[in-house]
Amino acid sequence: MGEAVENLCEQERLNREIHRLTNREKWVLEMRFGLPDGRRKTQRDIAKILGISRSYVSRIEKHAITKLGKTLSGEDIPQK
């Protein structure tokens, strides 16, 4: 039970922190992880849709995940 509550808290925190991403970063992560409809898209698929290279999609994805990771671990939170 404690683990389920902890997972729910982490998910709620993630949902709150998603706003720190740019619209493009959010969209790429949503497509990569199939958030809107459960269907995951490849980096190549996303690149075609956006008209950019697959490697650029990869960089956007990595940057967004790193940004979220820092926020969730507390590294990116300004100290008072």
C-alpha atoms as a PDB file:
ATOM      1  CA  MET A   1       0.000   0.000   0.000  1.00  0.00           C
ATOM      2  CA  GLY A   2       2.801   2.457   0.888  1.00  0.00           C
ATOM      3  CA  GLU A   3       4.464   1.915  -2.483  1.00  0.00           C
ATOM      4  CA  ALA A   4       1.204   2.637  -4.314  1.00  0.00           C
ATOM      5  CA  VAL A   5       0.792   5.910  -2.414  1.00  0.00           C
ATOM      6  CA  GLU A   6       4.412   6.832  -3.133  1.00  0.00           C
ATOM      7  CA  ASN A   7       3.926   6.123  -6.849  1.00  0.00           C
ATOM      8  CA  LEU A   8       0.771   8.241  -6.900  1.00  0.00           C
ATOM      9  CA  CYS A   9       2.599  11.125  -5.212  1.00  0.00           C
ATOM     10  CA  GLU A  10       5.440  10.910  -7.742  1.00  0.00           C
ATOM     11  CA  GLN A  11       2.952  10.893 -10.625  1.00  0.00           C
ATOM     12  CA  GLU A  12       1.165  13.943  -9.217  1.00  0.00           C
ATOM     13  CA  ARG A  13       4.494  15.728  -8.808  1.00  0.00           C
ATOM     14  CA  LEU A  14       5.466  14.820 -12.379  1.00  0.00           C
ATOM     15  CA  ASN A  15       2.160  16.198 -13.673  1.00  0.00           C
ATOM     16  CA  ARG A  16       2.800  19.482 -11.811  1.00  0.00           C
ATOM     17  CA  GLU A  17       6.349  19.769 -13.150  1.00  0.00           C
ATOM     18  CA  ILE A  18       5.483  19.042 -16.796  1.00  0.00           C
ATOM     19  CA  HIS A  19       4.662  22.753 -17.202  1.00  0.00           C
ATOM     20  CA  ARG A  20       8.394  23.493 -17.081  1.00  0.00           C
ATOM     21  CA  LEU A  21       8.839  21.854 -20.480  1.00  0.00           C
ATOM     22  CA  THR A  22       8.438  23.718 -23.738  1.00  0.00           C
ATOM     23  CA  ASN A  23       5.429  22.805 -25.861  1.00  0.00           C
ATOM     24  CA  ARG A  24       7.708  20.939 -28.266  1.00  0.00           C
ATOM     25  CA  GLU A  25       9.353  18.953 -25.437  1.00  0.00           C
ATOM     26  CA  LYS A  26       5.946  18.029 -23.995  1.00  0.00           C
ATOM     27  CA  TRP A  27       4.632  16.980 -27.391  1.00  0.00           C
ATOM     28  CA  VAL A  28       7.690  14.839 -28.195  1.00  0.00           C
ATOM     29  CA  LEU A  29       7.450  13.022 -24.849  1.00  0.00           C
ATOM     30  CA  GLU A  30       3.708  12.514 -25.250  1.00  0.00           C
ATOM     31  CA  MET A  31       4.209  10.986 -28.697  1.00  0.00           C
ATOM     32  CA  ARG A  32       7.216   8.864 -27.657  1.00  0.00           C
ATOM     33  CA  PHE A  33       5.400   7.387 -24.655  1.00  0.00           C
ATOM     34  CA  GLY A  34       1.945   7.159 -26.254  1.00  0.00           C
ATOM     35  CA  LEU A  35       0.300   9.394 -23.684  1.00  0.00           C
ATOM     36  CA  PRO A  36      -2.635  10.691 -25.720  1.00  0.00           C
ATOM     37  CA  ASP A  37      -3.833   7.392 -27.205  1.00  0.00           C
ATOM     38  CA  GLY A  38      -1.543   4.593 -26.038  1.00  0.00           C
ATOM     39  CA  ARG A  39       0.234   4.396 -29.401  1.00  0.00           C
ATOM     40  CA  ARG A  40       3.935   5.157 -29.146  1.00  0.00           C
ATOM     41  CA  LYS A  41       5.675   6.860 -32.025  1.00  0.00           C
ATOM     42  CA  THR A  42       9.283   6.341 -33.033  1.00  0.00           C
ATOM     43  CA  GLN A  43      11.759   9.188 -33.196  1.00  0.00           C
ATOM     44  CA  ARG A  44      11.683   8.769 -36.965  1.00  0.00           C
ATOM     45  CA  ASP A  45       7.872   9.167 -37.029  1.00  0.00           C
ATOM     46  CA  ILE A  46       8.070  12.305 -34.913  1.00  0.00           C
ATOM     47  CA  ALA A  47      10.870  13.707 -37.073  1.00  0.00           C
ATOM     48  CA  LYS A  48       8.726  13.287 -40.196  1.00  0.00           C
ATOM     49  CA  ILE A  49       5.767  15.028 -38.566  1.00  0.00           C
ATOM     50  CA  LEU A  50       7.887  17.959 -37.358  1.00  0.00           C
ATOM     51  CA  GLY A  51      10.080  18.137 -40.459  1.00  0.00           C
ATOM     52  CA  ILE A  52      13.309  17.759 -38.468  1.00  0.00           C
ATOM     53  CA  SER A  53      15.999  15.087 -38.200  1.00  0.00           C
ATOM     54  CA  ARG A  54      15.630  11.995 -36.039  1.00  0.00           C
ATOM     55  CA  SER A  55      18.760  12.983 -34.134  1.00  0.00           C
ATOM     56  CA  TYR A  56      17.205  16.354 -33.283  1.00  0.00           C
ATOM     57  CA  VAL A  57      14.116  14.571 -31.929  1.00  0.00           C
ATOM     58  CA  SER A  58      16.471  12.454 -29.823  1.00  0.00           C
ATOM     59  CA  ARG A  59      18.119  15.581 -28.413  1.00  0.00           C
ATOM     60  CA  ILE A  60      14.744  17.159 -27.605  1.00  0.00           C
ATOM     61  CA  GLU A  61      13.647  13.956 -25.859  1.00  0.00           C
ATOM     62  CA  LYS A  62      16.869  13.647 -23.822  1.00  0.00           C
ATOM     63  CA  HIS A  63      16.786  17.307 -22.831  1.00  0.00           C
ATOM     64  CA  ALA A  64      13.161  17.073 -21.672  1.00  0.00           C
ATOM     65  CA  ILE A  65      13.800  13.921 -19.645  1.00  0.00           C
ATOM     66  CA  THR A  66      16.903  15.465 -18.076  1.00  0.00           C
ATOM     67  CA  LYS A  67      14.972  18.627 -17.224  1.00  0.00           C
ATOM     68  CA  LEU A  68      12.196  16.603 -15.563  1.00  0.00           C
ATOM     69  CA  GLY A  69      14.712  14.430 -13.731  1.00  0.00           C
ATOM     70  CA  LYS A  70      16.467  17.443 -12.259  1.00  0.00           C
ATOM     71  CA  THR A  71      13.172  18.978 -11.213  1.00  0.00           C
ATOM     72  CA  LEU A  72      11.898  15.791  -9.591  1.00  0.00           C
ATOM     73  CA  SER A  73      15.184  15.137  -7.777  1.00  0.00           C
ATOM     74  CA  GLY A  74      15.226  18.692  -6.429  1.00  0.00           C
ATOM     75  CA  GLU A  75      18.386  19.731  -8.303  1.00  0.00           C
ATOM     76  CA  ASP A  76      16.557  22.398 -10.306  1.00  0.00           C
ATOM     77  CA  ILE A  77      14.615  23.945  -7.433  1.00  0.00           C
ATOM     78  CA  PRO A  78      15.870  27.400  -6.468  1.00  0.00           C
ATOM     79  CA  GLN A  79      17.175  27.615  -2.914  1.00  0.00           C
ATOM     80  CA  LYS A  80      15.639  30.276  -0.632  1.00  0.00           C
END
